[in-house]
Amino acid sequence: FNATLILTSIVCLLPMILGFALWKKLPDQIPQQYGWNNQVNWTLPKFWGIITLPLVMVIINIVYSLLFRFSKQELSPKVEGVLAWIIPVIALPINCFMFLRPIGFDVEPFMFIGGIMSLVLIITGNYLPKIKANSVVGVRAPWINKNPTVWAKTQRISGILMVITGLINLVTCFFPFGKYVFVITVGSLVIFMLIYSIVVAKQESKKIKQEEPKGKE
């Protein structure tokens, strides 16, 4: 474990301090998930409700860090640094929200969580075109990974669309219809990235086949 992994894991655990500080104000059952209608889906007893989500996020953070750390292809230090903080950036505010809402923080779950996820889309989209082909992170599929040109084109257009999607949702998440916009835009983004990568892969495959006879001559 290096210093960055230790620091990011500590950040993931920080909400536990808030939870125990609010112990007397918190209800006996702590919400662990909110549904589409902003209602609580399930809860845990106070002690377990305070420590469970932070611990889960630490485990995810460690696994995520180890995955791209042991990837066959090296990532640039700058990109690796940004990726290392994605999980803590999501975990810290969302897990704190889980303790603040039960004691009167009157903000709809999606409005808060949607805003955080929109920022993550913007940050990720900004760095996506800078990620070289690797076996862990990025918009990946077998037909994308095996061709450097397909990889580069897919990451570039996906990054641009992620930033646009994030900006749209960063505005609309404050409105009642924001959750619908989020589902539609993110769903469309995924479908478009899939179709675009397939089209580009076929185009590149066709070019390679056309160039093969020339190479033999």
C-alpha atoms as a PDB file:
ATOM      1  CA  PHE A   1       0.000   0.000   0.000  1.00  0.00           C
ATOM      2  CA  ASN A   2       1.394   3.399  -0.922  1.00  0.00           C
ATOM      3  CA  ALA A   3       0.623   6.765   0.645  1.00  0.00           C
ATOM      4  CA  THR A   4      -2.141   7.608  -1.860  1.00  0.00           C
ATOM      5  CA  LEU A   5      -4.038   4.378  -1.216  1.00  0.00           C
ATOM      6  CA  ILE A   6      -3.766   4.859   2.552  1.00  0.00           C
ATOM      7  CA  LEU A   7      -4.931   8.487   2.298  1.00  0.00           C
ATOM      8  CA  THR A   8      -7.866   7.709  -0.004  1.00  0.00           C
ATOM      9  CA  SER A   9      -8.954   4.862   2.280  1.00  0.00           C
ATOM     10  CA  ILE A  10      -8.856   7.199   5.286  1.00  0.00           C
ATOM     11  CA  VAL A  11     -11.055   9.679   3.402  1.00  0.00           C
ATOM     12  CA  CYS A  12     -13.543   6.874   2.729  1.00  0.00           C
ATOM     13  CA  LEU A  13     -13.684   6.202   6.473  1.00  0.00           C
ATOM     14  CA  LEU A  14     -14.144   9.841   7.544  1.00  0.00           C
ATOM     15  CA  PRO A  15     -17.986   9.687   7.462  1.00  0.00           C
ATOM     16  CA  MET A  16     -17.787   7.250  10.386  1.00  0.00           C
ATOM     17  CA  ILE A  17     -16.479  10.108  12.544  1.00  0.00           C
ATOM     18  CA  LEU A  18     -19.516  12.189  11.615  1.00  0.00           C
ATOM     19  CA  GLY A  19     -21.811   9.250  12.300  1.00  0.00           C
ATOM     20  CA  PHE A  20     -20.493   8.648  15.802  1.00  0.00           C
ATOM     21  CA  ALA A  21     -20.443  12.397  16.504  1.00  0.00           C
ATOM     22  CA  LEU A  22     -24.171  12.476  15.688  1.00  0.00           C
ATOM     23  CA  TRP A  23     -24.884   9.263  17.623  1.00  0.00           C
ATOM     24  CA  LYS A  24     -27.445  10.786  19.992  1.00  0.00           C
ATOM     25  CA  LYS A  25     -29.321  12.545  17.182  1.00  0.00           C
ATOM     26  CA  LEU A  26     -29.426   9.617  14.784  1.00  0.00           C
ATOM     27  CA  PRO A  27     -32.387   7.198  14.758  1.00  0.00           C
ATOM     28  CA  ASP A  28     -31.990   3.589  15.857  1.00  0.00           C
ATOM     29  CA  GLN A  29     -32.116   2.484  12.223  1.00  0.00           C
ATOM     30  CA  ILE A  30     -29.798   4.195   9.707  1.00  0.00           C
ATOM     31  CA  PRO A  31     -30.871   4.347   6.025  1.00  0.00           C
ATOM     32  CA  GLN A  32     -28.463   2.573   3.684  1.00  0.00           C
ATOM     33  CA  GLN A  33     -30.208   3.178   0.390  1.00  0.00           C
ATOM     34  CA  TYR A  34     -32.883   5.438  -1.067  1.00  0.00           C
ATOM     35  CA  GLY A  35     -35.159   4.363  -3.890  1.00  0.00           C
ATOM     36  CA  TRP A  36     -36.484   6.060  -6.996  1.00  0.00           C
ATOM     37  CA  ASN A  37     -39.239   7.708  -4.949  1.00  0.00           C
ATOM     38  CA  ASN A  38     -36.705   9.073  -2.413  1.00  0.00           C
ATOM     39  CA  GLN A  39     -37.970   6.624   0.202  1.00  0.00           C
ATOM     40  CA  VAL A  40     -35.666   4.424   2.293  1.00  0.00           C
ATOM     41  CA  ASN A  41     -35.202   0.949   0.803  1.00  0.00           C
ATOM     42  CA  TRP A  42     -33.406  -0.645   3.743  1.00  0.00           C
ATOM     43  CA  THR A  43     -31.739   0.222   7.016  1.00  0.00           C
ATOM     44  CA  LEU A  44     -29.260  -1.161   9.550  1.00  0.00           C
ATOM     45  CA  PRO A  45     -29.043  -0.810  13.346  1.00  0.00           C
ATOM     46  CA  LYS A  46     -27.275   2.400  14.343  1.00  0.00           C
ATOM     47  CA  PHE A  47     -23.775   1.006  14.952  1.00  0.00           C
ATOM     48  CA  TRP A  48     -23.716  -1.117  11.810  1.00  0.00           C
ATOM     49  CA  GLY A  49     -25.445   1.631   9.874  1.00  0.00           C
ATOM     50  CA  ILE A  50     -22.575   3.992  10.685  1.00  0.00           C
ATOM     51  CA  ILE A  51     -19.683   1.693   9.795  1.00  0.00           C
ATOM     52  CA  THR A  52     -21.025  -0.504   6.964  1.00  0.00           C
ATOM     53  CA  LEU A  53     -21.071   1.856   3.964  1.00  0.00           C
ATOM     54  CA  PRO A  54     -17.688   3.468   4.766  1.00  0.00           C
ATOM     55  CA  LEU A  55     -16.102   0.023   5.163  1.00  0.00           C
ATOM     56  CA  VAL A  56     -17.658  -1.169   1.908  1.00  0.00           C
ATOM     57  CA  MET A  57     -16.285   1.896   0.121  1.00  0.00           C
ATOM     58  CA  VAL A  58     -12.808   1.248   1.567  1.00  0.00           C
ATOM     59  CA  ILE A  59     -12.889  -2.307   0.212  1.00  0.00           C
ATOM     60  CA  ILE A  60     -14.044  -1.050  -3.205  1.00  0.00           C
ATOM     61  CA  ASN A  61     -11.325   1.608  -3.138  1.00  0.00           C
ATOM     62  CA  ILE A  62      -8.605  -0.941  -2.364  1.00  0.00           C
ATOM     63  CA  VAL A  63      -9.786  -3.409  -5.022  1.00  0.00           C
ATOM     64  CA  TYR A  64     -10.146  -0.610  -7.581  1.00  0.00           C
ATOM     65  CA  SER A  65      -6.661   0.721  -6.806  1.00  0.00           C
ATOM     66  CA  LEU A  66      -5.066  -2.709  -7.005  1.00  0.00           C
ATOM     67  CA  LEU A  67      -6.770  -3.451 -10.310  1.00  0.00           C
ATOM     68  CA  PHE A  68      -5.288  -0.540 -12.211  1.00  0.00           C
ATOM     69  CA  ARG A  69      -2.036  -0.708 -10.249  1.00  0.00           C
ATOM     70  CA  PHE A  70      -1.383  -4.245 -11.496  1.00  0.00           C
ATOM     71  CA  SER A  71      -2.655  -3.558 -14.994  1.00  0.00           C
ATOM     72  CA  LYS A  72      -0.251  -4.714 -17.690  1.00  0.00           C
ATOM     73  CA  GLN A  73      -0.203  -1.242 -19.196  1.00  0.00           C
ATOM     74  CA  GLU A  74       1.100   1.633 -17.098  1.00  0.00           C
ATOM     75  CA  LEU A  75      -0.987   4.767 -16.623  1.00  0.00           C
ATOM     76  CA  SER A  76       0.566   8.212 -16.448  1.00  0.00           C
ATOM     77  CA  PRO A  77       1.096   9.466 -12.861  1.00  0.00           C
ATOM     78  CA  LYS A  78      -1.373  12.334 -13.435  1.00  0.00           C
ATOM     79  CA  VAL A  79      -4.158  10.078 -14.716  1.00  0.00           C
ATOM     80  CA  GLU A  80      -3.465   7.484 -12.021  1.00  0.00           C
ATOM     81  CA  GLY A  81      -3.673  10.212  -9.393  1.00  0.00           C
ATOM     82  CA  VAL A  82      -7.064  11.391 -10.651  1.00  0.00           C
ATOM     83  CA  LEU A  83      -8.420   7.844 -10.857  1.00  0.00           C
ATOM     84  CA  ALA A  84      -7.199   7.107  -7.332  1.00  0.00           C
ATOM     85  CA  TRP A  85      -9.473   9.839  -5.936  1.00  0.00           C
ATOM     86  CA  ILE A  86     -12.672   8.921  -7.806  1.00  0.00           C
ATOM     87  CA  ILE A  87     -13.973   6.539  -5.125  1.00  0.00           C
ATOM     88  CA  PRO A  88     -13.248   8.876  -2.156  1.00  0.00           C
ATOM     89  CA  VAL A  89     -14.807  11.830  -4.009  1.00  0.00           C
ATOM     90  CA  ILE A  90     -18.015   9.808  -4.362  1.00  0.00           C
ATOM     91  CA  ALA A  91     -17.926   8.093  -0.964  1.00  0.00           C
ATOM     92  CA  LEU A  92     -17.227  11.045   1.341  1.00  0.00           C
ATOM     93  CA  PRO A  93     -20.184  13.333   0.528  1.00  0.00           C
ATOM     94  CA  ILE A  94     -22.694  10.551  -0.145  1.00  0.00           C
ATOM     95  CA  ASN A  95     -21.949   8.643   3.072  1.00  0.00           C
ATOM     96  CA  CYS A  96     -22.069  11.894   5.074  1.00  0.00           C
ATOM     97  CA  PHE A  97     -25.440  12.599   3.460  1.00  0.00           C
ATOM     98  CA  MET A  98     -26.714   9.244   4.777  1.00  0.00           C
ATOM     99  CA  PHE A  99     -26.175  10.529   8.340  1.00  0.00           C
ATOM    100  CA  LEU A 100     -27.318  14.112   7.786  1.00  0.00           C
ATOM    101  CA  ARG A 101     -30.662  13.421   6.115  1.00  0.00           C
ATOM    102  CA  PRO A 102     -32.151  11.428   9.049  1.00  0.00           C
ATOM    103  CA  ILE A 103     -31.463  14.378  11.386  1.00  0.00           C
ATOM    104  CA  GLY A 104     -33.125  17.008   9.212  1.00  0.00           C
ATOM    105  CA  PHE A 105     -30.887  17.782   6.205  1.00  0.00           C
ATOM    106  CA  ASP A 106     -33.850  18.478   3.928  1.00  0.00           C
ATOM    107  CA  VAL A 107     -32.404  17.746   0.486  1.00  0.00           C
ATOM    108  CA  GLU A 108     -33.818  15.058  -1.788  1.00  0.00           C
ATOM    109  CA  PRO A 109     -31.423  12.098  -2.160  1.00  0.00           C
ATOM    110  CA  PHE A 110     -31.287  12.249  -5.935  1.00  0.00           C
ATOM    111  CA  MET A 111     -30.701  15.994  -5.958  1.00  0.00           C
ATOM    112  CA  PHE A 112     -27.600  15.511  -3.808  1.00  0.00           C
ATOM    113  CA  ILE A 113     -26.326  12.225  -5.205  1.00  0.00           C
ATOM    114  CA  GLY A 114     -27.150  13.233  -8.786  1.00  0.00           C
ATOM    115  CA  GLY A 115     -25.063  16.368  -8.361  1.00  0.00           C
ATOM    116  CA  ILE A 116     -22.081  14.351  -7.113  1.00  0.00           C
ATOM    117  CA  MET A 117     -22.364  11.850  -9.961  1.00  0.00           C
ATOM    118  CA  SER A 118     -22.613  14.688 -12.490  1.00  0.00           C
ATOM    119  CA  LEU A 119     -19.317  16.104 -11.217  1.00  0.00           C
ATOM    120  CA  VAL A 120     -17.747  12.655 -11.477  1.00  0.00           C
ATOM    121  CA  LEU A 121     -18.912  12.399 -15.104  1.00  0.00           C
ATOM    122  CA  ILE A 122     -17.336  15.773 -15.877  1.00  0.00           C
ATOM    123  CA  ILE A 123     -14.027  14.903 -14.208  1.00  0.00           C
ATOM    124  CA  THR A 124     -13.880  11.426 -15.745  1.00  0.00           C
ATOM    125  CA  GLY A 125     -14.817  12.715 -19.187  1.00  0.00           C
ATOM    126  CA  ASN A 126     -12.073  15.309 -19.036  1.00  0.00           C
ATOM    127  CA  TYR A 127      -9.377  12.695 -18.412  1.00  0.00           C
ATOM    128  CA  LEU A 128     -10.774   9.818 -20.478  1.00  0.00           C
ATOM    129  CA  PRO A 129      -9.100  10.868 -23.771  1.00  0.00           C
ATOM    130  CA  LYS A 130      -5.740  10.953 -21.961  1.00  0.00           C
ATOM    131  CA  ILE A 131      -5.917   7.313 -20.881  1.00  0.00           C
ATOM    132  CA  LYS A 132      -3.798   4.953 -22.960  1.00  0.00           C
ATOM    133  CA  ALA A 133      -5.056   1.466 -23.773  1.00  0.00           C
ATOM    134  CA  ASN A 134      -5.055  -0.713 -20.663  1.00  0.00           C
ATOM    135  CA  SER A 135      -6.859  -3.700 -19.206  1.00  0.00           C
ATOM    136  CA  VAL A 136      -8.698  -1.949 -16.361  1.00  0.00           C
ATOM    137  CA  VAL A 137      -9.973   1.602 -16.913  1.00  0.00           C
ATOM    138  CA  GLY A 138     -11.618   3.466 -19.779  1.00  0.00           C
ATOM    139  CA  VAL A 139     -14.445   2.608 -22.185  1.00  0.00           C
ATOM    140  CA  ARG A 140     -13.495  -0.976 -22.878  1.00  0.00           C
ATOM    141  CA  ALA A 141     -14.646  -3.880 -25.024  1.00  0.00           C
ATOM    142  CA  PRO A 142     -12.737  -6.599 -26.941  1.00  0.00           C
ATOM    143  CA  TRP A 143     -13.079  -4.749 -30.247  1.00  0.00           C
ATOM    144  CA  ILE A 144     -11.945  -1.491 -28.624  1.00  0.00           C
ATOM    145  CA  ASN A 145      -8.943  -2.844 -26.736  1.00  0.00           C
ATOM    146  CA  LYS A 146      -7.257  -4.644 -29.628  1.00  0.00           C
ATOM    147  CA  ASN A 147      -6.969  -1.616 -31.924  1.00  0.00           C
ATOM    148  CA  PRO A 148      -5.146   1.557 -30.751  1.00  0.00           C
ATOM    149  CA  THR A 149      -7.032   3.742 -33.234  1.00  0.00           C
ATOM    150  CA  VAL A 150     -10.433   2.440 -32.135  1.00  0.00           C
ATOM    151  CA  TRP A 151      -9.370   2.913 -28.512  1.00  0.00           C
ATOM    152  CA  ALA A 152      -8.245   6.522 -29.050  1.00  0.00           C
ATOM    153  CA  LYS A 153     -11.335   7.544 -31.037  1.00  0.00           C
ATOM    154  CA  THR A 154     -13.720   5.877 -28.575  1.00  0.00           C
ATOM    155  CA  GLN A 155     -12.113   7.463 -25.501  1.00  0.00           C
ATOM    156  CA  ARG A 156     -12.051  10.900 -27.148  1.00  0.00           C
ATOM    157  CA  ILE A 157     -15.714  11.021 -28.197  1.00  0.00           C
ATOM    158  CA  SER A 158     -16.811   9.283 -24.968  1.00  0.00           C
ATOM    159  CA  GLY A 159     -14.921  11.853 -22.900  1.00  0.00           C
ATOM    160  CA  ILE A 160     -16.565  14.765 -24.702  1.00  0.00           C
ATOM    161  CA  LEU A 161     -20.029  13.245 -24.304  1.00  0.00           C
ATOM    162  CA  MET A 162     -19.417  12.457 -20.622  1.00  0.00           C
ATOM    163  CA  VAL A 163     -18.571  16.092 -19.931  1.00  0.00           C
ATOM    164  CA  ILE A 164     -21.686  17.269 -21.800  1.00  0.00           C
ATOM    165  CA  THR A 165     -23.844  14.701 -19.995  1.00  0.00           C
ATOM    166  CA  GLY A 166     -22.384  15.754 -16.642  1.00  0.00           C
ATOM    167  CA  LEU A 167     -23.030  19.448 -17.310  1.00  0.00           C
ATOM    168  CA  ILE A 168     -26.636  18.780 -18.338  1.00  0.00           C
ATOM    169  CA  ASN A 169     -27.316  16.728 -15.226  1.00  0.00           C
ATOM    170  CA  LEU A 170     -25.498  19.154 -12.948  1.00  0.00           C
ATOM    171  CA  VAL A 171     -28.198  21.681 -13.866  1.00  0.00           C
ATOM    172  CA  THR A 172     -31.241  19.412 -14.093  1.00  0.00           C
ATOM    173  CA  CYS A 173     -30.543  17.455 -10.871  1.00  0.00           C
ATOM    174  CA  PHE A 174     -32.035  20.381  -8.914  1.00  0.00           C
ATOM    175  CA  PHE A 175     -35.425  19.920 -10.575  1.00  0.00           C
ATOM    176  CA  PRO A 176     -38.059  17.208  -9.992  1.00  0.00           C
ATOM    177  CA  PHE A 177     -37.559  15.846 -13.514  1.00  0.00           C
ATOM    178  CA  GLY A 178     -33.785  15.597 -12.996  1.00  0.00           C
ATOM    179  CA  LYS A 179     -33.810  11.872 -12.228  1.00  0.00           C
ATOM    180  CA  TYR A 180     -35.509  11.153 -15.556  1.00  0.00           C
ATOM    181  CA  VAL A 181     -33.004  13.303 -17.419  1.00  0.00           C
ATOM    182  CA  PHE A 182     -30.177  11.440 -15.697  1.00  0.00           C
ATOM    183  CA  VAL A 183     -31.461   8.012 -16.710  1.00  0.00           C
ATOM    184  CA  ILE A 184     -32.167   9.095 -20.291  1.00  0.00           C
ATOM    185  CA  THR A 185     -28.872  10.921 -20.844  1.00  0.00           C
ATOM    186  CA  VAL A 186     -26.635   8.304 -19.192  1.00  0.00           C
ATOM    187  CA  GLY A 187     -28.506   5.474 -20.933  1.00  0.00           C
ATOM    188  CA  SER A 188     -28.155   7.240 -24.284  1.00  0.00           C
ATOM    189  CA  LEU A 189     -24.473   7.841 -23.579  1.00  0.00           C
ATOM    190  CA  VAL A 190     -23.817   4.139 -22.961  1.00  0.00           C
ATOM    191  CA  ILE A 191     -25.748   3.068 -26.072  1.00  0.00           C
ATOM    192  CA  PHE A 192     -24.023   5.659 -28.252  1.00  0.00           C
ATOM    193  CA  MET A 193     -20.545   4.687 -27.003  1.00  0.00           C
ATOM    194  CA  LEU A 194     -21.301   1.035 -27.756  1.00  0.00           C
ATOM    195  CA  ILE A 195     -22.622   1.708 -31.268  1.00  0.00           C
ATOM    196  CA  TYR A 196     -19.894   4.241 -32.078  1.00  0.00           C
ATOM    197  CA  SER A 197     -17.095   1.889 -31.007  1.00  0.00           C
ATOM    198  CA  ILE A 198     -18.537  -0.951 -33.117  1.00  0.00           C
ATOM    199  CA  VAL A 199     -18.818   1.299 -36.182  1.00  0.00           C
ATOM    200  CA  VAL A 200     -15.255   2.603 -35.757  1.00  0.00           C
ATOM    201  CA  ALA A 201     -13.939  -0.946 -35.203  1.00  0.00           C
ATOM    202  CA  LYS A 202     -15.569  -2.133 -38.419  1.00  0.00           C
ATOM    203  CA  GLN A 203     -14.161   0.838 -40.341  1.00  0.00           C
ATOM    204  CA  GLU A 204     -10.651   0.177 -39.048  1.00  0.00           C
ATOM    205  CA  SER A 205     -10.962  -3.534 -39.767  1.00  0.00           C
ATOM    206  CA  LYS A 206     -12.021  -2.721 -43.331  1.00  0.00           C
ATOM    207  CA  LYS A 207      -9.030  -0.388 -43.782  1.00  0.00           C
ATOM    208  CA  ILE A 208      -6.636  -3.084 -42.575  1.00  0.00           C
ATOM    209  CA  LYS A 209      -8.071  -5.616 -45.004  1.00  0.00           C
ATOM    210  CA  GLN A 210      -7.799  -3.132 -47.867  1.00  0.00           C
ATOM    211  CA  GLU A 211      -4.155  -2.404 -47.032  1.00  0.00           C
ATOM    212  CA  GLU A 212      -3.100  -6.055 -46.718  1.00  0.00           C
ATOM    213  CA  PRO A 213      -2.673  -6.720 -50.500  1.00  0.00           C
ATOM    214  CA  LYS A 214      -0.614  -3.516 -50.851  1.00  0.00           C
ATOM    215  CA  GLY A 215       1.689  -4.686 -48.094  1.00  0.00           C
ATOM    216  CA  LYS A 216       2.211  -8.066 -49.791  1.00  0.00           C
ATOM    217  CA  GLU A 217       3.088  -6.441 -53.102  1.00  0.00           C
END
